N, C-alpha and C. Protein backbone atom coordinates (compact mmCIF):
# COMPACT_ATOMS: atom_id res chain seq x y z
N MET A 1 16.66 15.50 8.01
CA MET A 1 15.83 14.20 7.82
C MET A 1 14.74 14.80 6.63
N SER A 2 14.82 15.90 6.51
CA SER A 2 14.16 16.09 4.66
C SER A 2 14.99 15.52 3.97
N ARG A 3 16.34 14.86 3.93
CA ARG A 3 16.74 15.06 3.01
C ARG A 3 16.76 13.17 2.60
N GLN A 4 16.20 12.99 3.71
CA GLN A 4 16.13 11.42 3.77
C GLN A 4 14.42 10.92 3.33
N ILE A 5 13.85 12.35 3.50
CA ILE A 5 12.02 11.52 2.78
C ILE A 5 11.33 11.48 1.80
N PRO A 6 12.93 11.94 0.73
CA PRO A 6 12.82 10.55 -0.39
C PRO A 6 13.35 9.38 -0.47
N LEU A 7 14.35 9.50 0.42
CA LEU A 7 14.92 8.04 0.45
C LEU A 7 13.51 6.75 0.91
N PHE A 8 12.67 7.29 2.22
CA PHE A 8 11.52 6.64 3.00
C PHE A 8 10.30 6.20 1.70
N LEU A 9 10.46 7.66 1.11
CA LEU A 9 8.61 7.08 -0.22
C LEU A 9 9.09 5.63 -1.16
N LEU A 10 10.64 5.92 -1.80
CA LEU A 10 10.94 5.06 -2.62
C LEU A 10 11.38 4.10 -1.91
N THR A 11 11.36 3.67 -0.85
CA THR A 11 11.67 2.15 0.10
C THR A 11 10.13 2.21 0.19
N GLU A 12 9.31 2.96 1.04
CA GLU A 12 7.85 2.48 0.83
C GLU A 12 7.63 1.98 -0.54
N ALA A 13 7.66 2.59 -1.09
CA ALA A 13 6.68 2.44 -2.74
C ALA A 13 7.53 0.38 -3.08
N ALA A 14 8.56 0.84 -3.24
CA ALA A 14 9.23 -0.14 -3.58
C ALA A 14 8.67 -1.88 -2.91
N VAL A 15 8.88 -2.07 -1.41
CA VAL A 15 8.23 -2.33 -0.64
C VAL A 15 6.46 -2.50 -1.05
N ALA A 16 5.98 -1.82 -1.15
CA ALA A 16 4.82 -2.22 -1.52
C ALA A 16 4.54 -2.75 -3.17
N TYR A 17 5.59 -1.78 -3.67
CA TYR A 17 5.73 -2.88 -5.39
C TYR A 17 5.57 -4.52 -5.83
N LEU A 18 6.25 -5.01 -4.26
CA LEU A 18 6.42 -6.22 -4.15
C LEU A 18 5.37 -6.81 -3.05
N ASP A 19 4.57 -6.13 -3.56
CA ASP A 19 3.39 -6.54 -2.31
C ASP A 19 3.98 -7.32 -0.62
N LEU A 20 4.58 -6.50 -0.15
CA LEU A 20 5.28 -6.94 1.07
C LEU A 20 4.49 -5.99 2.22
N ASN A 21 3.21 -5.43 2.27
CA ASN A 21 2.83 -4.27 2.87
C ASN A 21 1.83 -4.44 3.18
N ASN A 22 1.19 -3.45 3.84
CA ASN A 22 0.35 -3.94 4.60
C ASN A 22 -0.95 -3.69 3.43
N LEU A 23 -1.97 -4.54 3.55
CA LEU A 23 -3.32 -4.30 2.24
C LEU A 23 -3.82 -3.26 2.83
N LEU A 24 -3.84 -2.83 4.33
CA LEU A 24 -5.31 -2.06 4.34
C LEU A 24 -4.90 -0.40 4.20
N LEU A 25 -3.14 -0.24 3.67
CA LEU A 25 -3.17 1.17 3.85
C LEU A 25 -2.43 1.08 2.06
N PRO A 26 -3.10 1.96 1.77
CA PRO A 26 -2.92 1.79 0.07
C PRO A 26 -1.83 2.91 -0.24
N SER A 27 -0.82 2.56 -1.86
CA SER A 27 0.55 3.02 -1.93
C SER A 27 0.79 3.22 -2.78
N TRP A 28 1.99 4.14 -4.07
CA TRP A 28 1.88 4.21 -4.70
C TRP A 28 2.33 3.49 -5.55
N GLY A 29 3.04 2.70 -4.49
CA GLY A 29 3.65 1.13 -4.93
C GLY A 29 2.89 0.45 -5.78
N GLU A 30 1.82 -0.01 -4.60
CA GLU A 30 1.23 -0.57 -4.64
C GLU A 30 0.12 -0.42 -5.95
N ILE A 31 -0.06 0.83 -6.16
CA ILE A 31 -1.05 1.28 -7.95
C ILE A 31 -0.29 0.97 -8.76
N ILE A 32 0.88 0.93 -8.81
CA ILE A 32 1.79 1.31 -10.14
C ILE A 32 1.81 -0.56 -10.32
N ALA A 33 2.18 -1.55 -9.56
CA ALA A 33 2.14 -2.77 -9.42
C ALA A 33 0.89 -3.26 -9.77
N LEU A 34 -0.43 -2.22 -9.43
CA LEU A 34 -1.36 -3.55 -10.30
C LEU A 34 -2.40 -2.54 -11.35
N GLU A 35 -1.62 -1.52 -11.64
CA GLU A 35 -1.79 -1.07 -13.14
C GLU A 35 -1.33 -1.77 -14.02
N LEU A 36 0.09 -2.05 -13.88
CA LEU A 36 0.91 -2.83 -14.66
C LEU A 36 0.64 -4.42 -14.66
N SER A 37 -0.03 -4.52 -13.79
CA SER A 37 -0.42 -6.30 -13.90
C SER A 37 -1.49 -5.87 -14.47
N LYS A 38 -2.66 -4.99 -15.06
CA LYS A 38 -3.75 -5.22 -15.99
C LYS A 38 -2.60 -5.11 -17.55
N GLU A 39 -3.96 -4.25 -18.21
CA GLU A 39 -3.53 -4.60 -19.97
C GLU A 39 -1.99 -3.54 -19.85
N PHE A 40 -1.04 -3.94 -19.55
CA PHE A 40 0.40 -2.75 -19.33
C PHE A 40 -0.02 -2.49 -20.91
N PRO A 41 -0.11 -2.74 -21.99
CA PRO A 41 0.38 -1.39 -23.28
C PRO A 41 -1.28 -0.66 -23.10
N ALA A 42 -2.30 -1.85 -23.17
CA ALA A 42 -3.79 -0.42 -23.47
C ALA A 42 -3.57 0.18 -22.65
N THR A 43 -3.13 0.24 -21.00
CA THR A 43 -3.17 1.37 -20.37
C THR A 43 -1.80 1.80 -19.84
N TRP A 44 -1.57 1.92 -20.05
CA TRP A 44 -0.24 2.53 -19.85
C TRP A 44 0.01 3.94 -19.38
N TRP A 45 -1.24 4.75 -19.24
CA TRP A 45 -1.26 6.12 -18.91
C TRP A 45 -1.58 6.03 -17.04
N ALA A 46 -2.21 4.56 -17.12
CA ALA A 46 -2.37 4.86 -15.84
C ALA A 46 -1.36 4.76 -14.91
N SER A 47 -0.20 3.62 -15.10
CA SER A 47 0.99 3.56 -14.24
C SER A 47 1.83 4.58 -13.93
N THR A 48 1.58 5.18 -15.85
CA THR A 48 2.36 6.43 -15.79
C THR A 48 2.70 7.70 -14.80
N ALA A 49 0.87 7.97 -14.80
CA ALA A 49 -0.01 8.70 -13.45
C ALA A 49 1.06 8.40 -12.04
N ALA A 50 0.88 8.09 -11.71
CA ALA A 50 1.47 6.97 -10.61
C ALA A 50 2.64 6.63 -10.34
N VAL A 51 3.55 7.04 -11.05
CA VAL A 51 4.65 6.99 -11.41
C VAL A 51 5.36 8.51 -11.16
N THR A 52 4.42 9.24 -12.27
CA THR A 52 4.83 10.54 -12.46
C THR A 52 4.25 11.23 -11.32
N LEU A 53 3.24 10.51 -10.41
CA LEU A 53 3.31 11.83 -9.09
C LEU A 53 4.31 11.22 -8.37
N LEU A 54 4.85 10.11 -8.23
CA LEU A 54 5.70 9.36 -7.15
C LEU A 54 6.84 10.37 -7.24
N ALA A 55 7.47 10.37 -8.32
CA ALA A 55 8.86 11.31 -8.51
C ALA A 55 8.57 12.91 -8.27
N LEU A 56 7.81 13.08 -8.86
CA LEU A 56 7.56 14.38 -8.34
C LEU A 56 7.54 14.91 -6.93
N THR A 57 7.30 14.19 -6.65
CA THR A 57 6.77 13.66 -4.90
C THR A 57 8.40 13.90 -4.40
N VAL A 58 9.20 12.67 -4.64
CA VAL A 58 10.55 12.46 -4.49
C VAL A 58 11.34 14.07 -4.58
N VAL A 59 11.25 14.42 -5.84
CA VAL A 59 12.00 15.20 -6.29
C VAL A 59 11.33 17.20 -5.37
N SER A 60 10.23 17.32 -4.99
CA SER A 60 10.13 18.43 -4.23
C SER A 60 10.62 18.13 -2.73
N PHE A 61 10.05 16.90 -2.64
CA PHE A 61 10.86 16.97 -0.90
C PHE A 61 12.47 16.96 -1.23
N SER A 62 13.26 16.80 -2.52
CA SER A 62 14.11 16.92 -2.40
C SER A 62 15.09 18.54 -2.40
N VAL A 63 14.14 18.93 -3.30
CA VAL A 63 14.69 20.33 -3.59
C VAL A 63 14.50 21.22 -1.82
N LEU A 64 13.52 20.78 -1.17
CA LEU A 64 12.68 21.34 -0.71
C LEU A 64 13.90 20.98 1.08
N GLY A 65 14.36 19.72 1.12
CA GLY A 65 15.57 19.52 2.29
C GLY A 65 16.70 19.86 1.71
N ASP A 66 16.92 20.86 0.17
CA ASP A 66 18.20 21.34 -0.16
C ASP A 66 17.90 22.64 -0.09
N ALA A 67 16.72 23.48 -0.28
CA ALA A 67 16.60 24.71 0.38
C ALA A 67 16.81 24.87 1.64
N LEU A 68 16.26 23.88 2.67
CA LEU A 68 16.30 23.98 3.71
C LEU A 68 17.94 24.06 4.35
N ARG A 69 18.52 23.16 4.20
CA ARG A 69 19.56 23.35 4.26
C ARG A 69 20.47 24.44 4.06
N ASP A 70 20.22 25.39 2.72
CA ASP A 70 20.63 26.43 2.50
C ASP A 70 20.34 27.41 3.69
N VAL A 71 19.31 27.78 4.27
CA VAL A 71 18.10 28.47 4.71
C VAL A 71 19.01 28.13 6.14
N LEU A 72 19.14 27.36 6.81
CA LEU A 72 19.53 26.99 7.68
C LEU A 72 20.93 26.77 8.62
N ASP A 73 21.46 26.69 7.31
CA ASP A 73 22.78 25.89 7.73
C ASP A 73 24.19 27.33 7.86
N PRO A 74 24.42 27.26 9.08
CA PRO A 74 24.85 28.71 9.51
C PRO A 74 26.69 28.80 8.67
N LYS A 75 27.02 27.89 8.21
CA LYS A 75 28.47 27.19 7.99
C LYS A 75 29.11 28.15 6.77
N GLU A 76 27.84 27.95 5.88
CA GLU A 76 27.93 28.46 4.14
C GLU A 76 27.74 29.74 4.09
N SER A 77 27.12 30.55 5.45
CA SER A 77 26.98 31.71 4.73
C SER A 77 28.33 32.48 4.36
N ALA A 78 28.74 32.97 3.61
CA ALA A 78 30.13 34.00 3.30
C ALA A 78 29.52 35.32 2.85
């Protein structure tokens, strides 16, 4: 399950980026799309911050999933 969390996060962000989500639920994909639709070259830092935070969250959950697999998998302990 922990290995699929990054995939779920990216899928939810993609759906929100395409504006196919519930408008009452904020999402990084929605924030990225909103900031890119504004004056993008002038405000590049706003969308870059959201993309960076999304990437850091995905990478951290991926590393956490790998660490949990290493600790909890009895087959690979030799």
